[in-house]
Amino acid sequence: MISAAAAFLTVPALIAVPARLIEGCSTWIAIAGGLELLSAVGFIVLFKLVFASPISWRRTTPAALRALGASTVLPAGGLIGPTVGVWSASNERPSLSELSRSTVTFLILANAPAVVALAALGLLLWLGVPSGPHELALTILPASVAAGLLTATWLAGHSSRRQASRPSRTMISRALAMPARTMTDGVVEARALVTAGNWRLVGAFGYYAFDNAVLWAAYHAYGHAPRLGVVVMGYLVGSLAGALPVPAGLGALDGGLIGALVLYGSPAAPAAAAVFLYRGISLSVPVVLAAIGCTCGRGNRPLHIAPHRPKPRAVPELVTAQLDRH
């Protein structure tokens, strides 16, 4: 809400934005596009880890690209996108409970690097290590929320499993039991993958970091790059507006990013120009890649996805697959 209000207050300073968009440096714009492609690669790697570990990269990539496109443009795309990718790649769709659990795992892993960065950078800014704002409301407050969210998520599986042994007596508790169990299982799966140290977890970091770097490159395209801490914190805080169920985050995410960047010290006009360029790249690249994914991976040997139930004290295969036999 604060960042949205700040975005409205910057409207008088945005008159020069159209001219800035035209004057952007083509080299930095190309670099920004390349960074977004690297972010897409991170998404593919993480998608394979969670949904398609047993199958080849050639078979996984088209489904991951379709999931990326759906996650980018659909309302609540983070929840819907992986489902679109999995279902579009398989003839035998996995059960809703298995797919929901896998989606929760994917969401946790995909967002964990950003939450860790918010907690760490907020604390460092408050301590005065990097240059940038040092106010409690802009540093310790978001850092504390992020650290609390990480701790609660990490511990959720343990407490929820103890409560799962208790029988549900009321109608409401029985109705909430299945969603709660799905969330619990997703958290357990995510924690198991993290503790196992699978190298594909680097995809989650790349998916976040390279997308954040696109905003940094967009600033450089217009010759005015604020301190790195401003760009990172503005990106992390402003991206919370993307949780609103708006198609492609249009309006909401743009305003949230501009407002957050201004709050952290960026001039309004450069922030708006950089955000508009960032949004153009972060929307167009996934959509183009999704279109390419829709033309691939639909041959005579379709992918069959058969979910397996998680085994206790082991890293489960969330979605297993096998090719048709000739």
C-alpha atoms as a PDB file:
ATOM      1  CA  MET A   1       0.000   0.000   0.000  1.00  0.00           C
ATOM      2  CA  ILE A   2       2.790   2.431   0.869  1.00  0.00           C
ATOM      3  CA  SER A   3       4.623   1.751  -2.394  1.00  0.00           C
ATOM      4  CA  ALA A   4       1.379   2.140  -4.354  1.00  0.00           C
ATOM      5  CA  ALA A   5       0.747   5.509  -2.729  1.00  0.00           C
ATOM      6  CA  ALA A   6       4.293   6.573  -3.533  1.00  0.00           C
ATOM      7  CA  ALA A   7       3.723   5.617  -7.155  1.00  0.00           C
ATOM      8  CA  PHE A   8       0.727   7.956  -7.374  1.00  0.00           C
ATOM      9  CA  LEU A   9       2.736  10.775  -5.820  1.00  0.00           C
ATOM     10  CA  THR A  10       5.349  10.452  -8.541  1.00  0.00           C
ATOM     11  CA  VAL A  11       2.898  11.030 -11.407  1.00  0.00           C
ATOM     12  CA  PRO A  12       3.942  14.686 -11.992  1.00  0.00           C
ATOM     13  CA  ALA A  13       7.541  13.554 -12.466  1.00  0.00           C
ATOM     14  CA  LEU A  14       6.628  10.977 -15.117  1.00  0.00           C
ATOM     15  CA  ILE A  15       6.025  13.435 -17.946  1.00  0.00           C
ATOM     16  CA  ALA A  16       9.502  12.811 -19.356  1.00  0.00           C
ATOM     17  CA  VAL A  17       9.135   9.031 -19.356  1.00  0.00           C
ATOM     18  CA  PRO A  18       8.040   8.610 -23.024  1.00  0.00           C
ATOM     19  CA  ALA A  19      11.135  10.455 -24.206  1.00  0.00           C
ATOM     20  CA  ARG A  20      13.332   8.323 -21.951  1.00  0.00           C
ATOM     21  CA  LEU A  21      11.863   5.118 -23.365  1.00  0.00           C
ATOM     22  CA  ILE A  22      12.855   6.171 -26.873  1.00  0.00           C
ATOM     23  CA  GLU A  23      16.354   7.204 -25.826  1.00  0.00           C
ATOM     24  CA  GLY A  24      17.295   3.870 -24.248  1.00  0.00           C
ATOM     25  CA  CYS A  25      20.711   2.402 -25.010  1.00  0.00           C
ATOM     26  CA  SER A  26      20.271  -0.543 -27.375  1.00  0.00           C
ATOM     27  CA  THR A  27      23.281  -2.385 -25.919  1.00  0.00           C
ATOM     28  CA  TRP A  28      21.872  -2.389 -22.393  1.00  0.00           C
ATOM     29  CA  ILE A  29      18.428  -3.320 -23.704  1.00  0.00           C
ATOM     30  CA  ALA A  30      19.995  -6.333 -25.431  1.00  0.00           C
ATOM     31  CA  ILE A  31      21.808  -7.222 -22.196  1.00  0.00           C
ATOM     32  CA  ALA A  32      18.501  -7.022 -20.340  1.00  0.00           C
ATOM     33  CA  GLY A  33      16.934  -9.410 -22.860  1.00  0.00           C
ATOM     34  CA  GLY A  34      19.810 -11.838 -22.402  1.00  0.00           C
ATOM     35  CA  LEU A  35      19.425 -11.706 -18.628  1.00  0.00           C
ATOM     36  CA  GLU A  36      15.730 -12.528 -18.962  1.00  0.00           C
ATOM     37  CA  LEU A  37      16.628 -15.535 -21.091  1.00  0.00           C
ATOM     38  CA  LEU A  38      18.966 -16.712 -18.323  1.00  0.00           C
ATOM     39  CA  SER A  39      16.119 -16.271 -15.838  1.00  0.00           C
ATOM     40  CA  ALA A  40      13.984 -18.506 -18.062  1.00  0.00           C
ATOM     41  CA  VAL A  41      16.744 -21.128 -18.011  1.00  0.00           C
ATOM     42  CA  GLY A  42      16.616 -21.060 -14.220  1.00  0.00           C
ATOM     43  CA  PHE A  43      12.868 -21.653 -14.364  1.00  0.00           C
ATOM     44  CA  ILE A  44      13.365 -24.652 -16.658  1.00  0.00           C
ATOM     45  CA  VAL A  45      15.986 -26.174 -14.355  1.00  0.00           C
ATOM     46  CA  LEU A  46      13.733 -25.800 -11.299  1.00  0.00           C
ATOM     47  CA  PHE A  47      10.720 -27.148 -13.197  1.00  0.00           C
ATOM     48  CA  LYS A  48      12.684 -30.257 -14.116  1.00  0.00           C
ATOM     49  CA  LEU A  49      13.768 -30.777 -10.517  1.00  0.00           C
ATOM     50  CA  VAL A  50      10.234 -30.647  -9.138  1.00  0.00           C
ATOM     51  CA  PHE A  51       8.088 -32.074 -11.928  1.00  0.00           C
ATOM     52  CA  ALA A  52      10.251 -34.026 -14.359  1.00  0.00           C
ATOM     53  CA  SER A  53      13.450 -35.351 -12.810  1.00  0.00           C
ATOM     54  CA  PRO A  54      13.421 -38.763 -14.534  1.00  0.00           C
ATOM     55  CA  ILE A  55      12.975 -37.520 -18.106  1.00  0.00           C
ATOM     56  CA  SER A  56      15.250 -35.859 -20.636  1.00  0.00           C
ATOM     57  CA  TRP A  57      15.839 -32.132 -20.980  1.00  0.00           C
ATOM     58  CA  ARG A  58      14.502 -32.269 -24.528  1.00  0.00           C
ATOM     59  CA  ARG A  59      11.156 -33.536 -23.273  1.00  0.00           C
ATOM     60  CA  THR A  60      11.056 -31.266 -20.218  1.00  0.00           C
ATOM     61  CA  THR A  61      11.884 -27.928 -21.832  1.00  0.00           C
ATOM     62  CA  PRO A  62       8.688 -27.409 -23.930  1.00  0.00           C
ATOM     63  CA  ALA A  63       6.468 -28.122 -20.918  1.00  0.00           C
ATOM     64  CA  ALA A  64       8.557 -25.790 -18.751  1.00  0.00           C
ATOM     65  CA  LEU A  65       8.323 -23.018 -21.354  1.00  0.00           C
ATOM     66  CA  ARG A  66       4.551 -23.347 -21.457  1.00  0.00           C
ATOM     67  CA  ALA A  67       4.473 -23.221 -17.657  1.00  0.00           C
ATOM     68  CA  LEU A  68       6.668 -20.097 -17.711  1.00  0.00           C
ATOM     69  CA  GLY A  69       4.351 -18.331 -20.136  1.00  0.00           C
ATOM     70  CA  ALA A  70       1.256 -19.229 -18.136  1.00  0.00           C
ATOM     71  CA  SER A  71       2.917 -18.140 -14.890  1.00  0.00           C
ATOM     72  CA  THR A  72       3.744 -14.789 -16.466  1.00  0.00           C
ATOM     73  CA  VAL A  73       0.429 -13.774 -18.008  1.00  0.00           C
ATOM     74  CA  LEU A  74      -2.347 -15.529 -16.046  1.00  0.00           C
ATOM     75  CA  PRO A  75      -3.863 -14.193 -12.808  1.00  0.00           C
ATOM     76  CA  ALA A  76      -2.335 -16.104  -9.896  1.00  0.00           C
ATOM     77  CA  GLY A  77       0.064 -17.490 -12.483  1.00  0.00           C
ATOM     78  CA  GLY A  78       2.397 -18.904  -9.869  1.00  0.00           C
ATOM     79  CA  LEU A  79      -0.294 -21.392  -8.909  1.00  0.00           C
ATOM     80  CA  ILE A  80      -1.731 -22.009 -12.371  1.00  0.00           C
ATOM     81  CA  GLY A  81       1.399 -21.949 -14.527  1.00  0.00           C
ATOM     82  CA  PRO A  82       3.026 -25.202 -13.357  1.00  0.00           C
ATOM     83  CA  THR A  83      -0.296 -27.005 -13.750  1.00  0.00           C
ATOM     84  CA  VAL A  84      -0.600 -25.760 -17.319  1.00  0.00           C
ATOM     85  CA  GLY A  85       2.898 -26.988 -18.085  1.00  0.00           C
ATOM     86  CA  VAL A  86       2.382 -30.432 -16.579  1.00  0.00           C
ATOM     87  CA  TRP A  87      -1.045 -31.032 -18.074  1.00  0.00           C
ATOM     88  CA  SER A  88      -0.048 -29.796 -21.529  1.00  0.00           C
ATOM     89  CA  ALA A  89       2.827 -32.293 -21.637  1.00  0.00           C
ATOM     90  CA  SER A  90       0.987 -35.426 -20.597  1.00  0.00           C
ATOM     91  CA  ASN A  91      -1.848 -37.627 -21.758  1.00  0.00           C
ATOM     92  CA  GLU A  92      -2.413 -39.185 -18.344  1.00  0.00           C
ATOM     93  CA  ARG A  93      -2.758 -36.284 -15.967  1.00  0.00           C
ATOM     94  CA  PRO A  94      -1.582 -36.707 -12.386  1.00  0.00           C
ATOM     95  CA  SER A  95      -4.086 -36.545  -9.558  1.00  0.00           C
ATOM     96  CA  LEU A  96      -5.040 -33.106  -8.313  1.00  0.00           C
ATOM     97  CA  SER A  97      -3.601 -33.793  -4.861  1.00  0.00           C
ATOM     98  CA  GLU A  98      -0.210 -34.845  -6.257  1.00  0.00           C
ATOM     99  CA  LEU A  99      -0.071 -31.900  -8.627  1.00  0.00           C
ATOM    100  CA  SER A 100      -1.133 -29.466  -5.896  1.00  0.00           C
ATOM    101  CA  ARG A 101       1.590 -30.736  -3.591  1.00  0.00           C
ATOM    102  CA  SER A 102       4.195 -30.413  -6.324  1.00  0.00           C
ATOM    103  CA  THR A 103       3.000 -26.894  -7.127  1.00  0.00           C
ATOM    104  CA  VAL A 104       3.371 -25.857  -3.490  1.00  0.00           C
ATOM    105  CA  THR A 105       6.904 -27.249  -3.517  1.00  0.00           C
ATOM    106  CA  PHE A 106       7.706 -25.357  -6.701  1.00  0.00           C
ATOM    107  CA  LEU A 107       6.322 -22.091  -5.329  1.00  0.00           C
ATOM    108  CA  ILE A 108       8.333 -22.379  -2.131  1.00  0.00           C
ATOM    109  CA  LEU A 109      11.585 -23.113  -3.942  1.00  0.00           C
ATOM    110  CA  ALA A 110      11.015 -20.450  -6.610  1.00  0.00           C
ATOM    111  CA  ASN A 111      10.381 -17.706  -4.051  1.00  0.00           C
ATOM    112  CA  ALA A 112      12.867 -18.752  -1.377  1.00  0.00           C
ATOM    113  CA  PRO A 113      15.905 -16.947  -2.907  1.00  0.00           C
ATOM    114  CA  ALA A 114      14.023 -13.633  -3.037  1.00  0.00           C
ATOM    115  CA  VAL A 115      12.876 -14.008   0.571  1.00  0.00           C
ATOM    116  CA  VAL A 116      16.430 -14.838   1.696  1.00  0.00           C
ATOM    117  CA  ALA A 117      17.773 -11.825  -0.217  1.00  0.00           C
ATOM    118  CA  LEU A 118      15.159  -9.556   1.368  1.00  0.00           C
ATOM    119  CA  ALA A 119      16.031 -10.716   4.871  1.00  0.00           C
ATOM    120  CA  ALA A 120      19.786 -10.464   4.352  1.00  0.00           C
ATOM    121  CA  LEU A 121      19.883  -7.161   2.473  1.00  0.00           C
ATOM    122  CA  GLY A 122      17.384  -5.512   4.797  1.00  0.00           C
ATOM    123  CA  LEU A 123      19.574  -6.366   7.772  1.00  0.00           C
ATOM    124  CA  LEU A 124      22.745  -5.224   6.005  1.00  0.00           C
ATOM    125  CA  LEU A 125      21.186  -1.910   5.006  1.00  0.00           C
ATOM    126  CA  TRP A 126      20.121  -1.290   8.581  1.00  0.00           C
ATOM    127  CA  LEU A 127      23.669  -2.009   9.735  1.00  0.00           C
ATOM    128  CA  GLY A 128      24.959   0.461   7.143  1.00  0.00           C
ATOM    129  CA  VAL A 129      27.120  -2.048   5.263  1.00  0.00           C
ATOM    130  CA  PRO A 130      25.955  -1.156   1.713  1.00  0.00           C
ATOM    131  CA  SER A 131      24.974   2.390   0.900  1.00  0.00           C
ATOM    132  CA  GLY A 132      21.258   3.041   0.845  1.00  0.00           C
ATOM    133  CA  PRO A 133      18.358   3.888   3.146  1.00  0.00           C
ATOM    134  CA  HIS A 134      18.775   2.875   6.789  1.00  0.00           C
ATOM    135  CA  GLU A 135      15.297   3.603   8.201  1.00  0.00           C
ATOM    136  CA  LEU A 136      13.792   0.807  10.269  1.00  0.00           C
ATOM    137  CA  ALA A 137      10.597   0.718   8.209  1.00  0.00           C
ATOM    138  CA  LEU A 138      12.579   0.174   5.000  1.00  0.00           C
ATOM    139  CA  THR A 139      15.165  -2.266   6.339  1.00  0.00           C
ATOM    140  CA  ILE A 140      14.498  -4.160   9.553  1.00  0.00           C
ATOM    141  CA  LEU A 141      10.734  -4.384   9.062  1.00  0.00           C
ATOM    142  CA  PRO A 142      10.804  -6.197   5.681  1.00  0.00           C
ATOM    143  CA  ALA A 143      13.843  -8.202   6.802  1.00  0.00           C
ATOM    144  CA  SER A 144      12.014  -9.375   9.926  1.00  0.00           C
ATOM    145  CA  VAL A 145       8.926 -10.344   7.956  1.00  0.00           C
ATOM    146  CA  ALA A 146      11.066 -12.288   5.477  1.00  0.00           C
ATOM    147  CA  ALA A 147      13.040 -14.040   8.214  1.00  0.00           C
ATOM    148  CA  GLY A 148       9.836 -14.949  10.038  1.00  0.00           C
ATOM    149  CA  LEU A 149       8.317 -16.342   6.846  1.00  0.00           C
ATOM    150  CA  LEU A 150      11.395 -18.468   6.191  1.00  0.00           C
ATOM    151  CA  THR A 151      11.424 -19.819   9.735  1.00  0.00           C
ATOM    152  CA  ALA A 152       7.706 -20.569   9.755  1.00  0.00           C
ATOM    153  CA  THR A 153       7.906 -22.367   6.416  1.00  0.00           C
ATOM    154  CA  TRP A 154      10.915 -24.438   7.455  1.00  0.00           C
ATOM    155  CA  LEU A 155       9.250 -25.533  10.693  1.00  0.00           C
ATOM    156  CA  ALA A 156       5.738 -25.953   9.290  1.00  0.00           C
ATOM    157  CA  GLY A 157       6.180 -29.581   8.283  1.00  0.00           C
ATOM    158  CA  HIS A 158       7.268 -30.719  11.752  1.00  0.00           C
ATOM    159  CA  SER A 159       4.382 -29.146  13.664  1.00  0.00           C
ATOM    160  CA  SER A 160       1.796 -30.038  11.024  1.00  0.00           C
ATOM    161  CA  ARG A 161       2.795 -33.703  11.027  1.00  0.00           C
ATOM    162  CA  ARG A 162       2.309 -33.900  14.789  1.00  0.00           C
ATOM    163  CA  GLN A 163      -1.149 -32.366  14.445  1.00  0.00           C
ATOM    164  CA  ALA A 164      -2.051 -34.655  11.530  1.00  0.00           C
ATOM    165  CA  SER A 165      -2.244 -37.639  13.871  1.00  0.00           C
ATOM    166  CA  ARG A 166      -5.143 -36.022  15.716  1.00  0.00           C
ATOM    167  CA  PRO A 167      -8.562 -36.921  14.278  1.00  0.00           C
ATOM    168  CA  SER A 168     -10.685 -34.113  12.836  1.00  0.00           C
ATOM    169  CA  ARG A 169     -13.917 -33.779  14.765  1.00  0.00           C
ATOM    170  CA  THR A 170     -15.687 -30.753  13.294  1.00  0.00           C
ATOM    171  CA  MET A 171     -16.965 -30.222   9.763  1.00  0.00           C
ATOM    172  CA  ILE A 172     -14.748 -27.171   9.295  1.00  0.00           C
ATOM    173  CA  SER A 173     -11.626 -29.005  10.418  1.00  0.00           C
ATOM    174  CA  ARG A 174     -12.401 -31.876   8.076  1.00  0.00           C
ATOM    175  CA  ALA A 175     -12.932 -29.441   5.172  1.00  0.00           C
ATOM    176  CA  LEU A 176      -9.596 -27.776   5.862  1.00  0.00           C
ATOM    177  CA  ALA A 177      -7.714 -31.011   6.422  1.00  0.00           C
ATOM    178  CA  MET A 178      -6.982 -31.716   2.748  1.00  0.00           C
ATOM    179  CA  PRO A 179      -5.639 -28.234   1.833  1.00  0.00           C
ATOM    180  CA  ALA A 180      -3.626 -28.187   5.039  1.00  0.00           C
ATOM    181  CA  ARG A 181      -2.161 -31.609   4.272  1.00  0.00           C
ATOM    182  CA  THR A 182      -1.296 -30.479   0.748  1.00  0.00           C
ATOM    183  CA  MET A 183       0.537 -27.432   2.104  1.00  0.00           C
ATOM    184  CA  THR A 184       2.312 -29.567   4.686  1.00  0.00           C
ATOM    185  CA  ASP A 185       3.429 -32.142   2.145  1.00  0.00           C
ATOM    186  CA  GLY A 186       4.644 -29.382  -0.179  1.00  0.00           C
ATOM    187  CA  VAL A 187       6.719 -27.846   2.597  1.00  0.00           C
ATOM    188  CA  VAL A 188       8.167 -31.234   3.531  1.00  0.00           C
ATOM    189  CA  GLU A 189       9.073 -31.932  -0.104  1.00  0.00           C
ATOM    190  CA  ALA A 190      10.745 -28.536  -0.488  1.00  0.00           C
ATOM    191  CA  ARG A 191      12.736 -28.950   2.713  1.00  0.00           C
ATOM    192  CA  ALA A 192      13.836 -32.436   1.680  1.00  0.00           C
ATOM    193  CA  LEU A 193      15.059 -31.176  -1.704  1.00  0.00           C
ATOM    194  CA  VAL A 194      16.984 -28.349  -0.030  1.00  0.00           C
ATOM    195  CA  THR A 195      18.642 -30.625   2.528  1.00  0.00           C
ATOM    196  CA  ALA A 196      19.514 -33.111  -0.226  1.00  0.00           C
ATOM    197  CA  GLY A 197      21.467 -30.359  -1.992  1.00  0.00           C
ATOM    198  CA  ASN A 198      20.410 -31.189  -5.546  1.00  0.00           C
ATOM    199  CA  TRP A 199      22.398 -29.045  -7.968  1.00  0.00           C
ATOM    200  CA  ARG A 200      19.228 -28.073  -9.836  1.00  0.00           C
ATOM    201  CA  LEU A 201      18.287 -25.871  -6.902  1.00  0.00           C
ATOM    202  CA  VAL A 202      20.559 -23.309  -8.543  1.00  0.00           C
ATOM    203  CA  GLY A 203      17.713 -22.839 -11.002  1.00  0.00           C
ATOM    204  CA  ALA A 204      15.646 -21.151  -8.289  1.00  0.00           C
ATOM    205  CA  PHE A 205      18.431 -18.670  -7.615  1.00  0.00           C
ATOM    206  CA  GLY A 206      18.957 -18.007 -11.319  1.00  0.00           C
ATOM    207  CA  TYR A 207      15.244 -17.514 -11.910  1.00  0.00           C
ATOM    208  CA  TYR A 208      15.168 -14.753  -9.272  1.00  0.00           C
ATOM    209  CA  ALA A 209      18.606 -13.192  -9.645  1.00  0.00           C
ATOM    210  CA  PHE A 210      18.656 -12.775 -13.418  1.00  0.00           C
ATOM    211  CA  ASP A 211      15.151 -11.314 -13.429  1.00  0.00           C
ATOM    212  CA  ASN A 212      16.232  -8.784 -10.809  1.00  0.00           C
ATOM    213  CA  ALA A 213      19.286  -8.039 -12.938  1.00  0.00           C
ATOM    214  CA  VAL A 214      16.987  -7.131 -15.838  1.00  0.00           C
ATOM    215  CA  LEU A 215      15.745  -4.162 -13.800  1.00  0.00           C
ATOM    216  CA  TRP A 216      19.349  -3.174 -13.068  1.00  0.00           C
ATOM    217  CA  ALA A 217      20.196  -3.322 -16.783  1.00  0.00           C
ATOM    218  CA  ALA A 218      17.056  -1.321 -17.600  1.00  0.00           C
ATOM    219  CA  TYR A 219      18.325   1.482 -15.370  1.00  0.00           C
ATOM    220  CA  HIS A 220      21.661   1.438 -17.194  1.00  0.00           C
ATOM    221  CA  ALA A 221      19.835   1.643 -20.528  1.00  0.00           C
ATOM    222  CA  TYR A 222      18.792   5.172 -19.584  1.00  0.00           C
ATOM    223  CA  GLY A 223      22.074   6.198 -18.031  1.00  0.00           C
ATOM    224  CA  HIS A 224      20.893   6.534 -14.450  1.00  0.00           C
ATOM    225  CA  ALA A 225      21.575   3.535 -12.236  1.00  0.00           C
ATOM    226  CA  PRO A 226      20.982   4.030  -8.501  1.00  0.00           C
ATOM    227  CA  ARG A 227      22.859   2.106  -5.849  1.00  0.00           C
ATOM    228  CA  LEU A 228      22.546  -1.659  -6.136  1.00  0.00           C
ATOM    229  CA  GLY A 229      20.824  -1.897  -2.756  1.00  0.00           C
ATOM    230  CA  VAL A 230      18.104   0.461  -3.995  1.00  0.00           C
ATOM    231  CA  VAL A 231      17.481  -1.645  -7.104  1.00  0.00           C
ATOM    232  CA  VAL A 232      17.401  -4.946  -5.218  1.00  0.00           C
ATOM    233  CA  MET A 233      15.231  -3.775  -2.324  1.00  0.00           C
ATOM    234  CA  GLY A 234      12.903  -1.870  -4.641  1.00  0.00           C
ATOM    235  CA  TYR A 235      12.521  -4.980  -6.771  1.00  0.00           C
ATOM    236  CA  LEU A 236      11.899  -7.280  -3.814  1.00  0.00           C
ATOM    237  CA  VAL A 237       9.397  -5.049  -2.032  1.00  0.00           C
ATOM    238  CA  GLY A 238       7.675  -3.826  -5.189  1.00  0.00           C
ATOM    239  CA  SER A 239       7.250  -7.357  -6.525  1.00  0.00           C
ATOM    240  CA  LEU A 240       4.855  -8.103  -3.673  1.00  0.00           C
ATOM    241  CA  ALA A 241       2.230  -6.294  -5.735  1.00  0.00           C
ATOM    242  CA  GLY A 242       2.469  -9.169  -8.202  1.00  0.00           C
ATOM    243  CA  ALA A 243       0.548 -11.313  -5.712  1.00  0.00           C
ATOM    244  CA  LEU A 244      -2.643  -9.506  -6.710  1.00  0.00           C
ATOM    245  CA  PRO A 245      -4.762 -11.654  -9.087  1.00  0.00           C
ATOM    246  CA  VAL A 246      -4.335  -9.334 -12.078  1.00  0.00           C
ATOM    247  CA  PRO A 247      -3.486 -10.698 -15.569  1.00  0.00           C
ATOM    248  CA  ALA A 248       0.274 -10.282 -16.061  1.00  0.00           C
ATOM    249  CA  GLY A 249       0.277  -7.976 -13.033  1.00  0.00           C
ATOM    250  CA  LEU A 250      -0.624  -5.100 -15.356  1.00  0.00           C
ATOM    251  CA  GLY A 251      -0.842  -1.840 -13.454  1.00  0.00           C
ATOM    252  CA  ALA A 252      -0.435  -3.397 -10.015  1.00  0.00           C
ATOM    253  CA  LEU A 253       3.110  -4.693 -10.405  1.00  0.00           C
ATOM    254  CA  ASP A 254       4.230  -1.666 -12.400  1.00  0.00           C
ATOM    255  CA  GLY A 255       2.942   0.725  -9.753  1.00  0.00           C
ATOM    256  CA  GLY A 256       4.334  -1.370  -6.928  1.00  0.00           C
ATOM    257  CA  LEU A 257       7.816  -1.439  -8.438  1.00  0.00           C
ATOM    258  CA  ILE A 258       7.889   2.283  -9.227  1.00  0.00           C
ATOM    259  CA  GLY A 259       6.591   3.199  -5.785  1.00  0.00           C
ATOM    260  CA  ALA A 260       9.054   0.921  -3.981  1.00  0.00           C
ATOM    261  CA  LEU A 261      12.018   2.175  -5.996  1.00  0.00           C
ATOM    262  CA  VAL A 262      11.078   5.782  -5.220  1.00  0.00           C
ATOM    263  CA  LEU A 263      10.704   4.932  -1.528  1.00  0.00           C
ATOM    264  CA  TYR A 264      14.216   3.503  -1.492  1.00  0.00           C
ATOM    265  CA  GLY A 265      15.700   6.614  -3.080  1.00  0.00           C
ATOM    266  CA  SER A 266      15.445   6.378  -6.865  1.00  0.00           C
ATOM    267  CA  PRO A 267      14.288   9.474  -8.798  1.00  0.00           C
ATOM    268  CA  ALA A 268      10.771   8.998 -10.123  1.00  0.00           C
ATOM    269  CA  ALA A 269      11.296   9.459 -13.871  1.00  0.00           C
ATOM    270  CA  PRO A 270      14.278   7.072 -14.209  1.00  0.00           C
ATOM    271  CA  ALA A 271      12.474   4.546 -12.013  1.00  0.00           C
ATOM    272  CA  ALA A 272       9.364   4.644 -14.210  1.00  0.00           C
ATOM    273  CA  ALA A 273      11.373   4.348 -17.432  1.00  0.00           C
ATOM    274  CA  ALA A 274      13.392   1.431 -16.058  1.00  0.00           C
ATOM    275  CA  VAL A 275      10.281  -0.357 -14.764  1.00  0.00           C
ATOM    276  CA  PHE A 276       8.429   0.011 -18.062  1.00  0.00           C
ATOM    277  CA  LEU A 277      11.411  -1.382 -19.956  1.00  0.00           C
ATOM    278  CA  TYR A 278      11.840  -4.160 -17.407  1.00  0.00           C
ATOM    279  CA  ARG A 279       8.176  -5.080 -17.637  1.00  0.00           C
ATOM    280  CA  GLY A 280       8.233  -5.074 -21.415  1.00  0.00           C
ATOM    281  CA  ILE A 281      11.153  -7.498 -21.453  1.00  0.00           C
ATOM    282  CA  SER A 282       9.955  -9.678 -18.562  1.00  0.00           C
ATOM    283  CA  LEU A 283       6.585 -10.108 -20.285  1.00  0.00           C
ATOM    284  CA  SER A 284       7.599 -10.459 -23.913  1.00  0.00           C
ATOM    285  CA  VAL A 285      10.469 -12.933 -23.489  1.00  0.00           C
ATOM    286  CA  PRO A 286       8.444 -15.561 -21.545  1.00  0.00           C
ATOM    287  CA  VAL A 287       5.494 -15.182 -23.929  1.00  0.00           C
ATOM    288  CA  VAL A 288       7.726 -15.739 -26.970  1.00  0.00           C
ATOM    289  CA  LEU A 289       9.381 -18.722 -25.290  1.00  0.00           C
ATOM    290  CA  ALA A 290       5.964 -20.158 -24.382  1.00  0.00           C
ATOM    291  CA  ALA A 291       4.882 -19.827 -28.013  1.00  0.00           C
ATOM    292  CA  ILE A 292       7.985 -21.765 -29.031  1.00  0.00           C
ATOM    293  CA  GLY A 293       7.190 -24.374 -26.378  1.00  0.00           C
ATOM    294  CA  CYS A 294       3.689 -24.788 -27.786  1.00  0.00           C
ATOM    295  CA  THR A 295       5.141 -25.819 -31.137  1.00  0.00           C
ATOM    296  CA  CYS A 296       7.472 -28.432 -29.632  1.00  0.00           C
ATOM    297  CA  GLY A 297       7.157 -31.583 -27.650  1.00  0.00           C
ATOM    298  CA  ARG A 298       3.941 -32.851 -29.229  1.00  0.00           C
ATOM    299  CA  GLY A 299       5.230 -35.698 -31.360  1.00  0.00           C
ATOM    300  CA  ASN A 300       4.095 -39.283 -31.683  1.00  0.00           C
ATOM    301  CA  ARG A 301       5.607 -40.221 -28.345  1.00  0.00           C
ATOM    302  CA  PRO A 302       3.662 -38.205 -25.777  1.00  0.00           C
ATOM    303  CA  LEU A 303       4.825 -37.857 -22.215  1.00  0.00           C
ATOM    304  CA  HIS A 304       2.968 -39.827 -19.547  1.00  0.00           C
ATOM    305  CA  ILE A 305       3.187 -38.442 -16.053  1.00  0.00           C
ATOM    306  CA  ALA A 306       2.473 -40.835 -13.190  1.00  0.00           C
ATOM    307  CA  PRO A 307       2.815 -39.301  -9.733  1.00  0.00           C
ATOM    308  CA  HIS A 308       4.352 -41.292  -6.880  1.00  0.00           C
ATOM    309  CA  ARG A 309       3.499 -40.828  -3.250  1.00  0.00           C
ATOM    310  CA  PRO A 310       6.331 -39.441  -1.098  1.00  0.00           C
ATOM    311  CA  LYS A 311       8.257 -41.932   0.981  1.00  0.00           C
ATOM    312  CA  PRO A 312       9.068 -41.147   4.622  1.00  0.00           C
ATOM    313  CA  ARG A 313      12.553 -39.714   5.246  1.00  0.00           C
ATOM    314  CA  ALA A 314      13.390 -39.617   1.559  1.00  0.00           C
ATOM    315  CA  VAL A 315      13.384 -37.128  -1.248  1.00  0.00           C
ATOM    316  CA  PRO A 316      10.333 -38.150  -3.266  1.00  0.00           C
ATOM    317  CA  GLU A 317       9.863 -38.060  -6.973  1.00  0.00           C
ATOM    318  CA  LEU A 318       7.047 -35.544  -7.250  1.00  0.00           C
ATOM    319  CA  VAL A 319       6.122 -36.434 -10.801  1.00  0.00           C
ATOM    320  CA  THR A 320       7.620 -39.430 -12.627  1.00  0.00           C
ATOM    321  CA  ALA A 321       7.332 -40.030 -16.350  1.00  0.00           C
ATOM    322  CA  GLN A 322       7.944 -42.664 -18.963  1.00  0.00           C
ATOM    323  CA  LEU A 323       7.816 -42.646 -22.751  1.00  0.00           C
ATOM    324  CA  ASP A 324       5.408 -44.693 -24.821  1.00  0.00           C
ATOM    325  CA  ARG A 325       6.819 -47.942 -26.106  1.00  0.00           C
ATOM    326  CA  HIS A 326       6.754 -48.545 -29.843  1.00  0.00           C
END
